[in-house]
N, C-alpha and C. Protein backbone atom coordinates (compact mmCIF):
# COMPACT_ATOMS: atom_id res chain seq x y z
N MET A 1 -180.40 178.19 -79.75
CA MET A 1 -179.21 177.48 -79.35
C MET A 1 -178.41 177.12 -80.60
N LEU A 2 -177.12 177.31 -80.51
CA LEU A 2 -176.20 176.99 -81.60
C LEU A 2 -175.26 175.90 -81.11
N ILE A 3 -175.02 174.91 -81.95
CA ILE A 3 -174.02 173.88 -81.65
C ILE A 3 -172.88 174.08 -82.63
N ARG A 4 -171.68 174.22 -82.06
CA ARG A 4 -170.50 174.49 -82.89
C ARG A 4 -169.31 173.72 -82.34
N GLU A 5 -168.25 173.68 -83.14
CA GLU A 5 -167.00 173.05 -82.70
C GLU A 5 -166.52 173.71 -81.42
N ALA A 6 -166.06 172.91 -80.49
CA ALA A 6 -165.46 173.44 -79.28
C ALA A 6 -164.04 173.88 -79.59
N THR A 7 -163.60 174.95 -78.98
CA THR A 7 -162.23 175.44 -79.13
C THR A 7 -161.57 175.45 -77.76
N ALA A 8 -160.27 175.65 -77.76
CA ALA A 8 -159.54 175.75 -76.50
C ALA A 8 -160.11 176.87 -75.63
N ALA A 9 -160.63 177.91 -76.25
CA ALA A 9 -161.20 179.03 -75.50
C ALA A 9 -162.48 178.65 -74.77
N ASP A 10 -163.12 177.53 -75.16
CA ASP A 10 -164.34 177.07 -74.49
C ASP A 10 -164.04 176.27 -73.22
N TRP A 11 -162.83 175.73 -73.11
CA TRP A 11 -162.53 174.86 -71.98
C TRP A 11 -162.80 175.50 -70.61
N PRO A 12 -162.42 176.76 -70.39
CA PRO A 12 -162.70 177.35 -69.07
C PRO A 12 -164.20 177.38 -68.72
N ALA A 13 -165.07 177.37 -69.70
CA ALA A 13 -166.50 177.31 -69.43
C ALA A 13 -166.98 175.86 -69.24
N ILE A 14 -166.33 174.91 -69.90
CA ILE A 14 -166.71 173.49 -69.80
C ILE A 14 -166.25 172.89 -68.48
N TRP A 15 -165.01 173.17 -68.10
CA TRP A 15 -164.40 172.50 -66.95
C TRP A 15 -165.23 172.59 -65.67
N PRO A 16 -165.78 173.74 -65.28
CA PRO A 16 -166.50 173.79 -64.00
C PRO A 16 -167.68 172.81 -63.93
N PHE A 17 -168.50 172.74 -64.97
CA PHE A 17 -169.64 171.83 -64.87
C PHE A 17 -169.23 170.39 -65.13
N LEU A 18 -168.23 170.16 -65.99
CA LEU A 18 -167.73 168.80 -66.17
C LEU A 18 -167.18 168.28 -64.83
N HIS A 19 -166.41 169.11 -64.15
CA HIS A 19 -165.84 168.73 -62.87
C HIS A 19 -166.93 168.43 -61.85
N THR A 20 -167.95 169.27 -61.78
CA THR A 20 -169.06 169.07 -60.84
C THR A 20 -169.78 167.76 -61.11
N ILE A 21 -170.06 167.48 -62.37
CA ILE A 21 -170.78 166.25 -62.75
C ILE A 21 -169.94 165.02 -62.43
N VAL A 22 -168.67 165.04 -62.79
CA VAL A 22 -167.80 163.89 -62.54
C VAL A 22 -167.60 163.69 -61.03
N ALA A 23 -167.37 164.77 -60.29
CA ALA A 23 -167.14 164.67 -58.85
C ALA A 23 -168.37 164.13 -58.12
N ALA A 24 -169.56 164.36 -58.64
CA ALA A 24 -170.77 163.82 -58.01
C ALA A 24 -170.79 162.30 -58.05
N GLY A 25 -170.15 161.72 -59.06
CA GLY A 25 -170.02 160.27 -59.13
C GLY A 25 -171.29 159.52 -59.44
N GLU A 26 -172.28 160.15 -60.04
CA GLU A 26 -173.57 159.52 -60.26
C GLU A 26 -173.80 159.04 -61.69
N THR A 27 -173.06 159.57 -62.66
CA THR A 27 -173.41 159.28 -64.06
C THR A 27 -172.24 158.90 -64.97
N TYR A 28 -171.02 159.10 -64.54
CA TYR A 28 -169.87 158.80 -65.39
C TYR A 28 -168.93 157.83 -64.71
N THR A 29 -168.28 157.02 -65.50
CA THR A 29 -167.32 156.05 -64.96
C THR A 29 -165.93 156.67 -64.78
N TYR A 30 -165.81 157.96 -64.98
CA TYR A 30 -164.53 158.64 -64.76
C TYR A 30 -164.20 158.66 -63.27
N PRO A 31 -162.92 158.72 -62.92
CA PRO A 31 -162.56 158.86 -61.50
C PRO A 31 -163.14 160.18 -60.94
N GLN A 32 -163.68 160.12 -59.73
CA GLN A 32 -164.29 161.31 -59.15
C GLN A 32 -163.29 162.43 -58.90
N ASP A 33 -162.03 162.08 -58.74
CA ASP A 33 -160.99 163.09 -58.51
C ASP A 33 -160.24 163.45 -59.80
N LEU A 34 -160.91 163.30 -60.92
CA LEU A 34 -160.32 163.62 -62.22
C LEU A 34 -159.75 165.04 -62.22
N ASP A 35 -158.48 165.16 -62.57
CA ASP A 35 -157.87 166.49 -62.58
C ASP A 35 -158.11 167.18 -63.92
N GLU A 36 -157.94 168.47 -63.91
CA GLU A 36 -158.27 169.27 -65.09
C GLU A 36 -157.46 168.90 -66.33
N PRO A 37 -156.13 168.76 -66.27
CA PRO A 37 -155.39 168.41 -67.50
C PRO A 37 -155.84 167.08 -68.10
N THR A 38 -156.07 166.09 -67.24
CA THR A 38 -156.52 164.79 -67.74
C THR A 38 -157.91 164.90 -68.35
N ALA A 39 -158.79 165.64 -67.68
CA ALA A 39 -160.15 165.84 -68.20
C ALA A 39 -160.12 166.53 -69.56
N ARG A 40 -159.30 167.55 -69.69
CA ARG A 40 -159.20 168.27 -70.96
C ARG A 40 -158.73 167.33 -72.07
N ASP A 41 -157.72 166.53 -71.78
CA ASP A 41 -157.21 165.59 -72.79
C ASP A 41 -158.26 164.55 -73.18
N MET A 42 -159.07 164.13 -72.21
CA MET A 42 -160.11 163.13 -72.50
C MET A 42 -161.30 163.72 -73.26
N TRP A 43 -161.61 164.99 -72.98
CA TRP A 43 -162.84 165.57 -73.53
C TRP A 43 -162.61 166.30 -74.84
N MET A 44 -161.54 167.02 -74.96
CA MET A 44 -161.30 167.85 -76.16
C MET A 44 -160.60 166.99 -77.21
N LEU A 45 -161.40 166.32 -78.02
CA LEU A 45 -160.88 165.32 -78.96
C LEU A 45 -160.30 165.93 -80.23
N ARG A 46 -159.39 165.18 -80.79
CA ARG A 46 -158.83 165.49 -82.10
C ARG A 46 -159.42 164.48 -83.10
N PRO A 47 -159.40 164.80 -84.40
CA PRO A 47 -159.94 163.87 -85.39
C PRO A 47 -159.28 162.50 -85.28
N PRO A 48 -160.04 161.44 -85.48
CA PRO A 48 -161.39 161.40 -86.04
C PRO A 48 -162.49 161.74 -85.05
N GLY A 49 -162.14 162.02 -83.81
CA GLY A 49 -163.14 162.45 -82.84
C GLY A 49 -163.49 163.91 -83.06
N ARG A 50 -164.47 164.36 -82.29
CA ARG A 50 -164.94 165.74 -82.43
C ARG A 50 -165.59 166.15 -81.12
N THR A 51 -165.37 167.38 -80.70
CA THR A 51 -166.02 167.92 -79.50
C THR A 51 -166.75 169.20 -79.91
N VAL A 52 -167.97 169.32 -79.41
CA VAL A 52 -168.80 170.49 -79.72
C VAL A 52 -169.31 171.10 -78.43
N VAL A 53 -169.78 172.32 -78.54
CA VAL A 53 -170.48 172.99 -77.44
C VAL A 53 -171.82 173.49 -77.96
N ALA A 54 -172.79 173.52 -77.05
CA ALA A 54 -174.07 174.16 -77.32
C ALA A 54 -174.02 175.50 -76.59
N VAL A 55 -174.28 176.57 -77.32
CA VAL A 55 -174.22 177.91 -76.74
C VAL A 55 -175.54 178.64 -76.98
N ASP A 56 -175.84 179.59 -76.08
CA ASP A 56 -177.03 180.41 -76.27
C ASP A 56 -176.68 181.62 -77.12
N GLU A 57 -177.66 182.52 -77.29
CA GLU A 57 -177.46 183.68 -78.16
C GLU A 57 -176.37 184.62 -77.68
N SER A 58 -176.04 184.57 -76.39
CA SER A 58 -174.97 185.42 -75.87
C SER A 58 -173.61 184.72 -75.87
N GLY A 59 -173.59 183.47 -76.32
CA GLY A 59 -172.33 182.72 -76.37
C GLY A 59 -172.03 181.91 -75.13
N THR A 60 -172.95 181.89 -74.17
CA THR A 60 -172.77 181.10 -72.95
C THR A 60 -172.80 179.62 -73.28
N VAL A 61 -171.80 178.87 -72.80
CA VAL A 61 -171.76 177.43 -73.02
C VAL A 61 -172.79 176.76 -72.11
N LEU A 62 -173.74 176.06 -72.72
CA LEU A 62 -174.81 175.38 -72.00
C LEU A 62 -174.50 173.90 -71.77
N GLY A 63 -173.74 173.33 -72.70
CA GLY A 63 -173.41 171.93 -72.63
C GLY A 63 -172.39 171.58 -73.70
N THR A 64 -171.97 170.35 -73.68
CA THR A 64 -170.93 169.90 -74.61
C THR A 64 -171.11 168.42 -74.90
N ALA A 65 -170.59 168.01 -76.03
CA ALA A 65 -170.60 166.59 -76.40
C ALA A 65 -169.30 166.27 -77.11
N LYS A 66 -168.88 165.03 -76.93
CA LYS A 66 -167.75 164.54 -77.71
C LYS A 66 -168.22 163.30 -78.43
N MET A 67 -167.76 163.13 -79.64
CA MET A 67 -168.16 161.99 -80.45
C MET A 67 -166.93 161.42 -81.12
N ASN A 68 -166.95 160.10 -81.32
CA ASN A 68 -165.74 159.42 -81.78
C ASN A 68 -166.07 158.00 -82.20
N PRO A 69 -165.11 157.35 -82.89
CA PRO A 69 -165.31 155.92 -83.12
C PRO A 69 -165.36 155.20 -81.77
N ASN A 70 -166.26 154.25 -81.64
CA ASN A 70 -166.38 153.52 -80.39
C ASN A 70 -165.21 152.55 -80.20
N HIS A 71 -164.73 151.99 -81.28
CA HIS A 71 -163.63 151.04 -81.25
C HIS A 71 -162.68 151.35 -82.39
N MET A 72 -161.59 150.63 -82.45
CA MET A 72 -160.61 150.80 -83.52
C MET A 72 -160.75 149.66 -84.52
N GLY A 73 -159.96 149.74 -85.56
CA GLY A 73 -159.83 148.64 -86.51
C GLY A 73 -161.14 148.21 -87.12
N ARG A 74 -161.40 146.91 -87.07
CA ARG A 74 -162.53 146.33 -87.76
C ARG A 74 -163.87 146.62 -87.09
N ALA A 75 -163.85 147.37 -85.99
CA ALA A 75 -165.09 147.80 -85.34
C ALA A 75 -165.22 149.32 -85.35
N SER A 76 -164.39 149.99 -86.15
CA SER A 76 -164.38 151.46 -86.17
C SER A 76 -165.57 152.06 -86.93
N HIS A 77 -166.46 151.23 -87.43
CA HIS A 77 -167.66 151.73 -88.11
C HIS A 77 -168.81 152.02 -87.13
N ILE A 78 -168.55 151.83 -85.83
CA ILE A 78 -169.53 152.12 -84.80
C ILE A 78 -169.09 153.39 -84.07
N ALA A 79 -169.98 154.36 -83.99
CA ALA A 79 -169.68 155.62 -83.31
C ALA A 79 -170.08 155.54 -81.84
N SER A 80 -169.57 156.47 -81.06
CA SER A 80 -169.98 156.65 -79.68
C SER A 80 -170.02 158.14 -79.39
N ALA A 81 -170.57 158.50 -78.26
CA ALA A 81 -170.62 159.91 -77.87
C ALA A 81 -170.81 160.00 -76.37
N SER A 82 -170.42 161.13 -75.81
CA SER A 82 -170.61 161.44 -74.40
C SER A 82 -171.12 162.87 -74.31
N PHE A 83 -171.89 163.14 -73.27
CA PHE A 83 -172.58 164.41 -73.15
C PHE A 83 -172.48 164.96 -71.74
N MET A 84 -172.34 166.27 -71.63
CA MET A 84 -172.40 166.96 -70.35
C MET A 84 -173.19 168.24 -70.56
N VAL A 85 -174.21 168.42 -69.74
CA VAL A 85 -175.00 169.65 -69.77
C VAL A 85 -174.79 170.35 -68.43
N ASP A 86 -174.48 171.62 -68.49
CA ASP A 86 -174.34 172.39 -67.26
C ASP A 86 -175.65 172.28 -66.49
N PRO A 87 -175.60 171.78 -65.24
CA PRO A 87 -176.84 171.57 -64.48
C PRO A 87 -177.74 172.80 -64.39
N GLN A 88 -177.18 173.99 -64.42
CA GLN A 88 -178.04 175.18 -64.34
C GLN A 88 -178.85 175.39 -65.61
N TYR A 89 -178.52 174.66 -66.69
CA TYR A 89 -179.29 174.77 -67.93
C TYR A 89 -180.03 173.48 -68.27
N GLY A 90 -180.12 172.58 -67.30
CA GLY A 90 -180.84 171.33 -67.50
C GLY A 90 -182.33 171.58 -67.76
N GLY A 91 -182.95 170.65 -68.46
CA GLY A 91 -184.37 170.74 -68.73
C GLY A 91 -184.76 171.71 -69.82
N ARG A 92 -183.77 172.21 -70.56
CA ARG A 92 -184.06 173.19 -71.63
C ARG A 92 -183.83 172.63 -73.03
N GLY A 93 -183.65 171.31 -73.12
CA GLY A 93 -183.47 170.69 -74.42
C GLY A 93 -182.04 170.66 -74.92
N VAL A 94 -181.08 171.03 -74.08
CA VAL A 94 -179.68 171.04 -74.50
C VAL A 94 -179.20 169.63 -74.80
N GLY A 95 -179.49 168.68 -73.91
CA GLY A 95 -179.07 167.30 -74.12
C GLY A 95 -179.68 166.71 -75.38
N ARG A 96 -180.96 166.99 -75.60
CA ARG A 96 -181.63 166.49 -76.82
C ARG A 96 -180.97 167.07 -78.06
N ALA A 97 -180.72 168.38 -78.06
CA ALA A 97 -180.09 169.01 -79.23
C ALA A 97 -178.70 168.42 -79.48
N LEU A 98 -177.93 168.21 -78.42
CA LEU A 98 -176.61 167.61 -78.59
C LEU A 98 -176.72 166.17 -79.09
N GLY A 99 -177.68 165.42 -78.56
CA GLY A 99 -177.88 164.04 -79.02
C GLY A 99 -178.26 163.99 -80.49
N GLU A 100 -179.18 164.84 -80.90
CA GLU A 100 -179.58 164.89 -82.31
C GLU A 100 -178.39 165.28 -83.19
N HIS A 101 -177.59 166.22 -82.72
CA HIS A 101 -176.42 166.66 -83.46
C HIS A 101 -175.43 165.52 -83.67
N THR A 102 -175.19 164.74 -82.63
CA THR A 102 -174.22 163.64 -82.77
C THR A 102 -174.72 162.58 -83.73
N LEU A 103 -176.01 162.35 -83.75
CA LEU A 103 -176.56 161.37 -84.69
C LEU A 103 -176.41 161.85 -86.14
N VAL A 104 -176.66 163.12 -86.37
CA VAL A 104 -176.47 163.69 -87.72
C VAL A 104 -175.00 163.55 -88.12
N TRP A 105 -174.09 163.90 -87.19
CA TRP A 105 -172.66 163.79 -87.46
C TRP A 105 -172.28 162.35 -87.81
N ALA A 106 -172.74 161.40 -87.00
CA ALA A 106 -172.36 160.00 -87.21
C ALA A 106 -172.84 159.49 -88.57
N ARG A 107 -174.06 159.86 -88.94
CA ARG A 107 -174.57 159.45 -90.26
C ARG A 107 -173.74 160.07 -91.38
N ALA A 108 -173.45 161.35 -91.25
CA ALA A 108 -172.67 162.06 -92.29
C ALA A 108 -171.27 161.49 -92.42
N GLU A 109 -170.71 160.99 -91.31
CA GLU A 109 -169.36 160.42 -91.33
C GLU A 109 -169.35 158.97 -91.80
N GLY A 110 -170.51 158.41 -92.06
CA GLY A 110 -170.59 157.05 -92.59
C GLY A 110 -170.61 155.93 -91.55
N TYR A 111 -170.82 156.27 -90.29
CA TYR A 111 -170.93 155.22 -89.27
C TYR A 111 -172.21 154.42 -89.50
N ARG A 112 -172.18 153.16 -89.15
CA ARG A 112 -173.34 152.28 -89.34
C ARG A 112 -174.24 152.22 -88.11
N ALA A 113 -173.69 152.61 -86.97
CA ALA A 113 -174.47 152.58 -85.73
C ALA A 113 -173.78 153.48 -84.71
N MET A 114 -174.53 153.77 -83.64
CA MET A 114 -173.95 154.47 -82.50
C MET A 114 -174.23 153.62 -81.27
N GLN A 115 -173.22 153.51 -80.43
CA GLN A 115 -173.32 152.71 -79.20
C GLN A 115 -172.83 153.53 -78.02
N PHE A 116 -173.60 153.51 -76.96
CA PHE A 116 -173.17 154.08 -75.69
C PHE A 116 -172.81 152.90 -74.80
N ASN A 117 -171.59 152.88 -74.31
CA ASN A 117 -171.07 151.72 -73.59
C ASN A 117 -171.49 151.64 -72.13
N ALA A 118 -171.80 152.76 -71.52
CA ALA A 118 -171.99 152.75 -70.07
C ALA A 118 -172.99 153.83 -69.64
N VAL A 119 -174.27 153.58 -69.84
CA VAL A 119 -175.30 154.50 -69.37
C VAL A 119 -175.79 153.96 -68.03
N VAL A 120 -175.55 154.70 -66.98
CA VAL A 120 -175.92 154.26 -65.63
C VAL A 120 -177.44 154.13 -65.56
N GLU A 121 -177.92 152.96 -65.15
CA GLU A 121 -179.36 152.71 -65.19
C GLU A 121 -180.17 153.64 -64.30
N THR A 122 -179.56 154.19 -63.26
CA THR A 122 -180.28 155.13 -62.40
C THR A 122 -180.33 156.53 -62.98
N ASN A 123 -179.63 156.76 -64.07
CA ASN A 123 -179.67 158.05 -64.77
C ASN A 123 -180.89 158.01 -65.70
N THR A 124 -182.07 158.00 -65.09
CA THR A 124 -183.31 157.76 -65.82
C THR A 124 -183.61 158.83 -66.87
N GLY A 125 -183.18 160.06 -66.60
CA GLY A 125 -183.39 161.12 -67.60
C GLY A 125 -182.63 160.83 -68.87
N ALA A 126 -181.37 160.42 -68.74
CA ALA A 126 -180.57 160.10 -69.92
C ALA A 126 -181.13 158.87 -70.63
N VAL A 127 -181.49 157.84 -69.87
CA VAL A 127 -182.03 156.62 -70.49
C VAL A 127 -183.29 156.97 -71.28
N ALA A 128 -184.17 157.77 -70.71
CA ALA A 128 -185.40 158.16 -71.41
C ALA A 128 -185.09 158.99 -72.65
N LEU A 129 -184.14 159.92 -72.52
CA LEU A 129 -183.77 160.74 -73.67
C LEU A 129 -183.25 159.87 -74.81
N TRP A 130 -182.31 158.98 -74.50
CA TRP A 130 -181.72 158.16 -75.57
C TRP A 130 -182.78 157.25 -76.19
N LYS A 131 -183.68 156.71 -75.39
CA LYS A 131 -184.76 155.89 -75.95
C LYS A 131 -185.64 156.74 -76.88
N SER A 132 -185.92 157.98 -76.48
CA SER A 132 -186.77 158.84 -77.31
C SER A 132 -186.09 159.21 -78.63
N LEU A 133 -184.77 159.12 -78.66
CA LEU A 133 -184.02 159.40 -79.89
C LEU A 133 -183.74 158.13 -80.70
N GLY A 134 -184.33 157.01 -80.29
CA GLY A 134 -184.23 155.79 -81.08
C GLY A 134 -183.24 154.75 -80.59
N PHE A 135 -182.61 154.99 -79.45
CA PHE A 135 -181.68 154.00 -78.90
C PHE A 135 -182.45 152.92 -78.17
N GLU A 136 -181.88 151.73 -78.13
CA GLU A 136 -182.45 150.66 -77.34
C GLU A 136 -181.37 150.10 -76.42
N ILE A 137 -181.82 149.56 -75.32
CA ILE A 137 -180.89 148.89 -74.39
C ILE A 137 -180.66 147.49 -74.94
N VAL A 138 -179.42 147.18 -75.29
CA VAL A 138 -179.11 145.85 -75.84
C VAL A 138 -178.48 144.94 -74.80
N GLY A 139 -178.16 145.49 -73.66
CA GLY A 139 -177.62 144.69 -72.57
C GLY A 139 -177.38 145.57 -71.36
N THR A 140 -177.30 144.93 -70.22
CA THR A 140 -177.01 145.63 -68.98
C THR A 140 -176.00 144.81 -68.20
N LEU A 141 -174.94 145.46 -67.78
CA LEU A 141 -173.94 144.83 -66.92
C LEU A 141 -174.44 144.98 -65.48
N PRO A 142 -174.93 143.91 -64.88
CA PRO A 142 -175.46 144.02 -63.51
C PRO A 142 -174.37 144.50 -62.55
N GLU A 143 -174.74 145.43 -61.70
CA GLU A 143 -173.84 145.97 -60.69
C GLU A 143 -172.53 146.50 -61.27
N GLY A 144 -172.60 147.00 -62.50
CA GLY A 144 -171.40 147.50 -63.17
C GLY A 144 -170.96 148.89 -62.74
N PHE A 145 -171.77 149.56 -61.93
CA PHE A 145 -171.46 150.92 -61.51
C PHE A 145 -171.72 151.05 -60.01
N ARG A 146 -170.78 151.65 -59.33
CA ARG A 146 -170.90 151.86 -57.87
C ARG A 146 -171.40 153.28 -57.62
N HIS A 147 -172.70 153.42 -57.49
CA HIS A 147 -173.34 154.71 -57.28
C HIS A 147 -173.08 155.17 -55.84
N PRO A 148 -172.82 156.47 -55.62
CA PRO A 148 -172.47 156.93 -54.27
C PRO A 148 -173.58 156.79 -53.24
N THR A 149 -174.85 156.76 -53.66
CA THR A 149 -175.93 156.62 -52.68
C THR A 149 -176.81 155.39 -52.92
N LYS A 150 -176.82 154.87 -54.12
CA LYS A 150 -177.71 153.75 -54.44
C LYS A 150 -176.97 152.41 -54.48
N GLY A 151 -175.68 152.45 -54.24
CA GLY A 151 -174.91 151.21 -54.25
C GLY A 151 -174.64 150.72 -55.66
N TYR A 152 -174.49 149.43 -55.80
CA TYR A 152 -174.18 148.84 -57.09
C TYR A 152 -175.43 148.82 -57.98
N VAL A 153 -175.31 149.45 -59.15
CA VAL A 153 -176.42 149.51 -60.11
C VAL A 153 -175.89 149.10 -61.48
N GLY A 154 -176.78 148.84 -62.38
CA GLY A 154 -176.40 148.37 -63.70
C GLY A 154 -175.90 149.46 -64.63
N LEU A 155 -175.10 149.02 -65.59
CA LEU A 155 -174.64 149.88 -66.69
C LEU A 155 -175.28 149.36 -67.98
N HIS A 156 -176.08 150.21 -68.61
CA HIS A 156 -176.71 149.84 -69.88
C HIS A 156 -175.74 150.05 -71.04
N ILE A 157 -175.84 149.16 -72.00
CA ILE A 157 -175.24 149.37 -73.32
C ILE A 157 -176.42 149.74 -74.22
N MET A 158 -176.35 150.92 -74.80
CA MET A 158 -177.45 151.39 -75.64
C MET A 158 -176.95 151.52 -77.07
N TYR A 159 -177.83 151.26 -78.04
CA TYR A 159 -177.45 151.11 -79.44
C TYR A 159 -178.53 151.68 -80.34
N GLN A 160 -178.07 152.23 -81.45
CA GLN A 160 -178.98 152.65 -82.52
C GLN A 160 -178.33 152.40 -83.85
N LYS A 161 -179.01 151.68 -84.72
CA LYS A 161 -178.54 151.52 -86.10
C LYS A 161 -178.79 152.83 -86.84
N LEU A 162 -177.81 153.26 -87.62
CA LEU A 162 -177.95 154.54 -88.33
C LEU A 162 -178.38 154.34 -89.78
């Protein structure tokens, strides 16, 4: 697996699985009816942000991540990131590789920590992955997310000092 900068030519491969994941309404706080132009503007970041794709040996996009300052101004030393793995390639280490990549990027860019603002507590695979990569839950917003089948569930704030 290769992780490289995402280009405009990658968007047609990203959009179908990003749309599917967002429309399911189980893991992201994005509107479920997010349209393609808005999604592209939100996901395909310009500096100081960065968007990457994980591809296999044939160039197939397996997943993507975007990374950026979590806040502006006097809190811009904290990084954040978001991840989407095409469900047909789940369980193959794509999310872990993208997570490791974002941590390397954040350290190289001089960030002091990485924070995830809204990890849905029922997304147990993601919570376990981030914990295995050194993140800790520093707080949970009770009932901060309206899950389509589980009702109101918590949103974790996860953090790692770099």
